[in-house]
Amino acid sequence: MENLLALRKELSEKGVLISFNGSFNSGIIEEIGRAIRTYLKEEKLGRGIISDVFAVYIEQTQNIRNYLANNGIETGPYSTAIVKIARKNGMYTISSGNSIRKEDVQKLSDYLESLNGMDKKELKQFYKRQLRKPANPEARSAGLGLIDISRKASKKLEFQFQHQDEAFDFFNLFVAVKGGV
């Protein structure tokens, strides 16, 4: 039998506010989002902090959902993902993880490195350029999610890819947002 008391203690020590592991759909994303907003409002945080943490959570989970849907991975062993929000030392860390096809790893890694190479002003300009681009009829989004996450982050994005098997790696993204105690 699992020791849930020990698990709760460990999560509390690590500052974990919320964690979800499973398949993401719109309903789950919305419900967790409501819980996050409620929790942050009860903490009496400024609207900017609440907005940034919530926006990063939404972008991360929508990116996961869209990636899995666009790649036909909506069921099976690669369709589940994880998201976690923790608070420690005045920072909120919004972490997410999902399976990603090995052939997509290098392109995503290069893109994240390019975002990390930009300062806030450059990110804002890049965001505006992307916003003005004509919409790609085959794309499910305007491609602004990771740029927006980078703009809201208080530190450079941290990420890693872990070997899962011959076809998939597991993509981990960690985003820090300043705020709270």
C-alpha atoms as a PDB file:
ATOM      1  CA  MET A   1       0.000   0.000   0.000  1.00  0.00           C
ATOM      2  CA  GLU A   2       1.316   3.464  -0.898  1.00  0.00           C
ATOM      3  CA  ASN A   3       2.125   5.851   1.918  1.00  0.00           C
ATOM      4  CA  LEU A   4       0.123   8.931   0.919  1.00  0.00           C
ATOM      5  CA  LEU A   5       1.082  10.789   4.075  1.00  0.00           C
ATOM      6  CA  ALA A   6       4.758  10.490   3.114  1.00  0.00           C
ATOM      7  CA  LEU A   7       3.932  11.580  -0.447  1.00  0.00           C
ATOM      8  CA  ARG A   8       2.015  14.612   0.848  1.00  0.00           C
ATOM      9  CA  LYS A   9       4.924  15.527   3.119  1.00  0.00           C
ATOM     10  CA  GLU A  10       7.429  15.226   0.273  1.00  0.00           C
ATOM     11  CA  LEU A  11       5.287  17.353  -2.057  1.00  0.00           C
ATOM     12  CA  SER A  12       4.820  19.988   0.663  1.00  0.00           C
ATOM     13  CA  GLU A  13       8.559  20.119   1.338  1.00  0.00           C
ATOM     14  CA  LYS A  14       9.167  20.695  -2.366  1.00  0.00           C
ATOM     15  CA  GLY A  15       6.535  23.452  -2.479  1.00  0.00           C
ATOM     16  CA  VAL A  16       4.251  21.572  -4.882  1.00  0.00           C
ATOM     17  CA  LEU A  17       0.886  23.309  -5.108  1.00  0.00           C
ATOM     18  CA  ILE A  18      -0.672  21.191  -7.818  1.00  0.00           C
ATOM     19  CA  SER A  19       0.370  18.260  -9.950  1.00  0.00           C
ATOM     20  CA  PHE A  20      -1.479  16.319 -12.629  1.00  0.00           C
ATOM     21  CA  ASN A  21      -0.378  13.226 -14.492  1.00  0.00           C
ATOM     22  CA  GLY A  22      -2.554  11.810 -17.247  1.00  0.00           C
ATOM     23  CA  SER A  23      -4.229  12.703 -20.532  1.00  0.00           C
ATOM     24  CA  PHE A  24      -4.946  16.368 -21.190  1.00  0.00           C
ATOM     25  CA  ASN A  25      -8.195  17.474 -22.719  1.00  0.00           C
ATOM     26  CA  SER A  26      -9.882  20.872 -22.714  1.00  0.00           C
ATOM     27  CA  GLY A  27     -12.012  20.049 -19.672  1.00  0.00           C
ATOM     28  CA  ILE A  28      -9.081  18.946 -17.541  1.00  0.00           C
ATOM     29  CA  ILE A  29      -6.989  21.950 -18.597  1.00  0.00           C
ATOM     30  CA  GLU A  30      -9.860  24.284 -17.661  1.00  0.00           C
ATOM     31  CA  GLU A  31     -10.594  22.610 -14.310  1.00  0.00           C
ATOM     32  CA  ILE A  32      -6.967  22.652 -13.218  1.00  0.00           C
ATOM     33  CA  GLY A  33      -6.731  26.242 -14.459  1.00  0.00           C
ATOM     34  CA  ARG A  34      -9.680  27.249 -12.267  1.00  0.00           C
ATOM     35  CA  ALA A  35      -8.087  25.543  -9.269  1.00  0.00           C
ATOM     36  CA  ILE A  36      -4.808  27.375  -9.908  1.00  0.00           C
ATOM     37  CA  ARG A  37      -6.513  30.772 -10.189  1.00  0.00           C
ATOM     38  CA  THR A  38      -8.511  30.146  -7.015  1.00  0.00           C
ATOM     39  CA  TYR A  39      -5.436  29.054  -5.077  1.00  0.00           C
ATOM     40  CA  LEU A  40      -3.352  32.028  -6.242  1.00  0.00           C
ATOM     41  CA  LYS A  41      -6.149  34.497  -5.461  1.00  0.00           C
ATOM     42  CA  GLU A  42      -6.433  33.057  -1.945  1.00  0.00           C
ATOM     43  CA  GLU A  43      -2.698  33.676  -1.559  1.00  0.00           C
ATOM     44  CA  LYS A  44      -3.504  37.364  -2.158  1.00  0.00           C
ATOM     45  CA  LEU A  45      -0.946  37.685  -4.916  1.00  0.00           C
ATOM     46  CA  GLY A  46      -0.910  40.562  -7.355  1.00  0.00           C
ATOM     47  CA  ARG A  47      -2.921  40.192 -10.547  1.00  0.00           C
ATOM     48  CA  GLY A  48       0.266  40.222 -12.614  1.00  0.00           C
ATOM     49  CA  ILE A  49       1.699  37.192 -10.836  1.00  0.00           C
ATOM     50  CA  ILE A  50      -1.600  35.316 -11.031  1.00  0.00           C
ATOM     51  CA  SER A  51      -1.906  36.173 -14.707  1.00  0.00           C
ATOM     52  CA  ASP A  52       1.666  35.102 -15.541  1.00  0.00           C
ATOM     53  CA  VAL A  53       1.515  31.786 -13.682  1.00  0.00           C
ATOM     54  CA  PHE A  54      -1.894  31.003 -15.172  1.00  0.00           C
ATOM     55  CA  ALA A  55      -0.838  32.008 -18.708  1.00  0.00           C
ATOM     56  CA  VAL A  56       2.301  29.865 -18.569  1.00  0.00           C
ATOM     57  CA  TYR A  57       0.273  26.880 -17.315  1.00  0.00           C
ATOM     58  CA  ILE A  58      -2.306  27.339 -20.111  1.00  0.00           C
ATOM     59  CA  GLU A  59       0.344  27.664 -22.827  1.00  0.00           C
ATOM     60  CA  GLN A  60       2.268  24.623 -21.622  1.00  0.00           C
ATOM     61  CA  THR A  61      -0.794  22.390 -21.416  1.00  0.00           C
ATOM     62  CA  GLN A  62      -2.197  23.596 -24.745  1.00  0.00           C
ATOM     63  CA  ASN A  63       1.183  23.007 -26.400  1.00  0.00           C
ATOM     64  CA  ILE A  64       1.140  19.452 -25.077  1.00  0.00           C
ATOM     65  CA  ARG A  65      -2.444  18.843 -26.175  1.00  0.00           C
ATOM     66  CA  ASN A  66      -1.791  20.323 -29.634  1.00  0.00           C
ATOM     67  CA  TYR A  67       1.451  18.402 -30.144  1.00  0.00           C
ATOM     68  CA  LEU A  68      -0.155  15.098 -29.250  1.00  0.00           C
ATOM     69  CA  ALA A  69      -3.237  15.795 -31.401  1.00  0.00           C
ATOM     70  CA  ASN A  70      -1.198  17.009 -34.404  1.00  0.00           C
ATOM     71  CA  ASN A  71       0.929  13.866 -34.245  1.00  0.00           C
ATOM     72  CA  GLY A  72      -1.899  11.372 -33.767  1.00  0.00           C
ATOM     73  CA  ILE A  73      -0.767  10.485 -30.230  1.00  0.00           C
ATOM     74  CA  GLU A  74      -4.088  10.999 -28.465  1.00  0.00           C
ATOM     75  CA  THR A  75      -4.235   7.488 -27.039  1.00  0.00           C
ATOM     76  CA  GLY A  76      -1.717   4.908 -25.972  1.00  0.00           C
ATOM     77  CA  PRO A  77       1.421   4.963 -23.869  1.00  0.00           C
ATOM     78  CA  TYR A  78       2.743   8.269 -25.275  1.00  0.00           C
ATOM     79  CA  SER A  79      -0.483  10.252 -24.831  1.00  0.00           C
ATOM     80  CA  THR A  80      -0.121  11.077 -21.154  1.00  0.00           C
ATOM     81  CA  ALA A  81       1.708  14.089 -19.798  1.00  0.00           C
ATOM     82  CA  ILE A  82       2.498  15.736 -16.501  1.00  0.00           C
ATOM     83  CA  VAL A  83       2.229  19.291 -15.223  1.00  0.00           C
ATOM     84  CA  LYS A  84       3.337  20.581 -11.841  1.00  0.00           C
ATOM     85  CA  ILE A  85       3.282  23.975 -10.187  1.00  0.00           C
ATOM     86  CA  ALA A  86       5.495  24.599  -7.188  1.00  0.00           C
ATOM     87  CA  ARG A  87       6.438  27.635  -5.123  1.00  0.00           C
ATOM     88  CA  LYS A  88       9.789  28.022  -3.464  1.00  0.00           C
ATOM     89  CA  ASN A  89      12.061  30.944  -2.587  1.00  0.00           C
ATOM     90  CA  GLY A  90       9.800  33.566  -4.128  1.00  0.00           C
ATOM     91  CA  MET A  91       9.450  31.756  -7.452  1.00  0.00           C
ATOM     92  CA  TYR A  92       6.690  29.739  -9.025  1.00  0.00           C
ATOM     93  CA  THR A  93       7.945  26.927 -11.228  1.00  0.00           C
ATOM     94  CA  ILE A  94       5.542  25.613 -13.822  1.00  0.00           C
ATOM     95  CA  SER A  95       6.889  22.294 -15.095  1.00  0.00           C
ATOM     96  CA  SER A  96       5.524  20.067 -17.800  1.00  0.00           C
ATOM     97  CA  GLY A  97       6.548  16.880 -19.510  1.00  0.00           C
ATOM     98  CA  ASN A  98       5.325  14.875 -22.470  1.00  0.00           C
ATOM     99  CA  SER A  99       6.490  12.365 -25.028  1.00  0.00           C
ATOM    100  CA  ILE A 100       7.911  13.811 -28.233  1.00  0.00           C
ATOM    101  CA  ARG A 101       8.988  12.065 -31.421  1.00  0.00           C
ATOM    102  CA  LYS A 102      12.776  11.838 -31.702  1.00  0.00           C
ATOM    103  CA  GLU A 103      12.724  13.558 -35.097  1.00  0.00           C
ATOM    104  CA  ASP A 104      11.191  16.671 -33.448  1.00  0.00           C
ATOM    105  CA  VAL A 105      13.741  16.997 -30.647  1.00  0.00           C
ATOM    106  CA  GLN A 106      16.488  18.925 -32.473  1.00  0.00           C
ATOM    107  CA  LYS A 107      14.124  21.483 -34.005  1.00  0.00           C
ATOM    108  CA  LEU A 108      12.429  22.137 -30.637  1.00  0.00           C
ATOM    109  CA  SER A 109      15.765  22.293 -28.815  1.00  0.00           C
ATOM    110  CA  ASP A 110      17.150  24.798 -31.352  1.00  0.00           C
ATOM    111  CA  TYR A 111      14.005  26.934 -31.090  1.00  0.00           C
ATOM    112  CA  LEU A 112      14.117  26.992 -27.277  1.00  0.00           C
ATOM    113  CA  GLU A 113      17.827  27.878 -27.366  1.00  0.00           C
ATOM    114  CA  SER A 114      17.063  30.750 -29.753  1.00  0.00           C
ATOM    115  CA  LEU A 115      14.347  32.044 -27.394  1.00  0.00           C
ATOM    116  CA  ASN A 116      16.771  31.772 -24.464  1.00  0.00           C
ATOM    117  CA  GLY A 117      19.263  33.842 -26.463  1.00  0.00           C
ATOM    118  CA  MET A 118      16.867  36.798 -26.612  1.00  0.00           C
ATOM    119  CA  ASP A 119      16.363  39.486 -23.989  1.00  0.00           C
ATOM    120  CA  LYS A 120      12.884  40.767 -23.039  1.00  0.00           C
ATOM    121  CA  LYS A 121      12.932  43.496 -25.698  1.00  0.00           C
ATOM    122  CA  GLU A 122      13.936  41.061 -28.452  1.00  0.00           C
ATOM    123  CA  LEU A 123      11.267  38.583 -27.324  1.00  0.00           C
ATOM    124  CA  LYS A 124       8.626  41.326 -27.537  1.00  0.00           C
ATOM    125  CA  GLN A 125       9.751  42.268 -31.056  1.00  0.00           C
ATOM    126  CA  PHE A 126       9.827  38.620 -32.135  1.00  0.00           C
ATOM    127  CA  TYR A 127       6.335  38.111 -30.699  1.00  0.00           C
ATOM    128  CA  LYS A 128       5.033  41.100 -32.666  1.00  0.00           C
ATOM    129  CA  ARG A 129       6.664  39.861 -35.900  1.00  0.00           C
ATOM    130  CA  GLN A 130       5.111  36.419 -35.448  1.00  0.00           C
ATOM    131  CA  LEU A 131       1.737  38.006 -34.716  1.00  0.00           C
ATOM    132  CA  ARG A 132       1.853  39.954 -38.000  1.00  0.00           C
ATOM    133  CA  LYS A 133       2.771  36.929 -40.116  1.00  0.00           C
ATOM    134  CA  PRO A 134       0.008  35.551 -42.341  1.00  0.00           C
ATOM    135  CA  ALA A 135      -1.739  32.616 -40.703  1.00  0.00           C
ATOM    136  CA  ASN A 136      -0.654  29.177 -41.834  1.00  0.00           C
ATOM    137  CA  PRO A 137      -3.894  27.352 -42.707  1.00  0.00           C
ATOM    138  CA  GLU A 138      -2.358  24.003 -41.679  1.00  0.00           C
ATOM    139  CA  ALA A 139      -1.200  25.226 -38.256  1.00  0.00           C
ATOM    140  CA  ARG A 140      -3.444  24.870 -35.213  1.00  0.00           C
ATOM    141  CA  SER A 141      -1.988  28.000 -33.626  1.00  0.00           C
ATOM    142  CA  ALA A 142      -0.043  31.128 -34.468  1.00  0.00           C
ATOM    143  CA  GLY A 143       3.120  29.670 -32.890  1.00  0.00           C
ATOM    144  CA  LEU A 144       3.172  32.259 -30.134  1.00  0.00           C
ATOM    145  CA  GLY A 145       2.970  29.958 -27.110  1.00  0.00           C
ATOM    146  CA  LEU A 146       6.647  29.382 -26.366  1.00  0.00           C
ATOM    147  CA  ILE A 147       7.460  33.014 -27.155  1.00  0.00           C
ATOM    148  CA  ASP A 148       4.796  34.153 -24.689  1.00  0.00           C
ATOM    149  CA  ILE A 149       6.079  31.703 -22.078  1.00  0.00           C
ATOM    150  CA  SER A 150       9.592  33.107 -22.542  1.00  0.00           C
ATOM    151  CA  ARG A 151       8.298  36.656 -22.169  1.00  0.00           C
ATOM    152  CA  LYS A 152       6.571  35.848 -18.868  1.00  0.00           C
ATOM    153  CA  ALA A 153       9.452  33.796 -17.455  1.00  0.00           C
ATOM    154  CA  SER A 154      11.714  35.407 -14.852  1.00  0.00           C
ATOM    155  CA  LYS A 155      14.652  33.235 -15.901  1.00  0.00           C
ATOM    156  CA  LYS A 156      15.742  31.494 -19.074  1.00  0.00           C
ATOM    157  CA  LEU A 157      13.657  28.436 -19.930  1.00  0.00           C
ATOM    158  CA  GLU A 158      15.108  25.194 -18.646  1.00  0.00           C
ATOM    159  CA  PHE A 159      14.469  22.057 -20.643  1.00  0.00           C
ATOM    160  CA  GLN A 160      15.739  18.573 -21.207  1.00  0.00           C
ATOM    161  CA  PHE A 161      14.965  15.553 -23.314  1.00  0.00           C
ATOM    162  CA  GLN A 162      15.144  12.116 -21.737  1.00  0.00           C
ATOM    163  CA  HIS A 163      15.474   8.933 -23.757  1.00  0.00           C
ATOM    164  CA  GLN A 164      12.219   7.014 -23.634  1.00  0.00           C
ATOM    165  CA  ASP A 165      12.662   4.410 -26.385  1.00  0.00           C
ATOM    166  CA  GLU A 166      13.774   4.209 -30.021  1.00  0.00           C
ATOM    167  CA  ALA A 167      10.917   6.414 -31.299  1.00  0.00           C
ATOM    168  CA  PHE A 168      10.259   8.854 -28.439  1.00  0.00           C
ATOM    169  CA  ASP A 169      12.026  11.070 -25.946  1.00  0.00           C
ATOM    170  CA  PHE A 170      10.383  12.725 -22.949  1.00  0.00           C
ATOM    171  CA  PHE A 171      10.421  16.526 -23.135  1.00  0.00           C
ATOM    172  CA  ASN A 172      10.682  18.393 -19.802  1.00  0.00           C
ATOM    173  CA  LEU A 173      10.083  22.166 -19.654  1.00  0.00           C
ATOM    174  CA  PHE A 174      10.634  24.230 -16.505  1.00  0.00           C
ATOM    175  CA  VAL A 175       9.474  27.840 -16.359  1.00  0.00           C
ATOM    176  CA  ALA A 176      10.168  30.130 -13.386  1.00  0.00           C
ATOM    177  CA  VAL A 177       7.895  33.097 -12.645  1.00  0.00           C
ATOM    178  CA  LYS A 178       8.848  35.521  -9.872  1.00  0.00           C
ATOM    179  CA  GLY A 179       6.258  36.188  -7.208  1.00  0.00           C
ATOM    180  CA  GLY A 180       5.076  35.359  -3.731  1.00  0.00           C
ATOM    181  CA  VAL A 181       7.061  34.378  -0.708  1.00  0.00           C
END
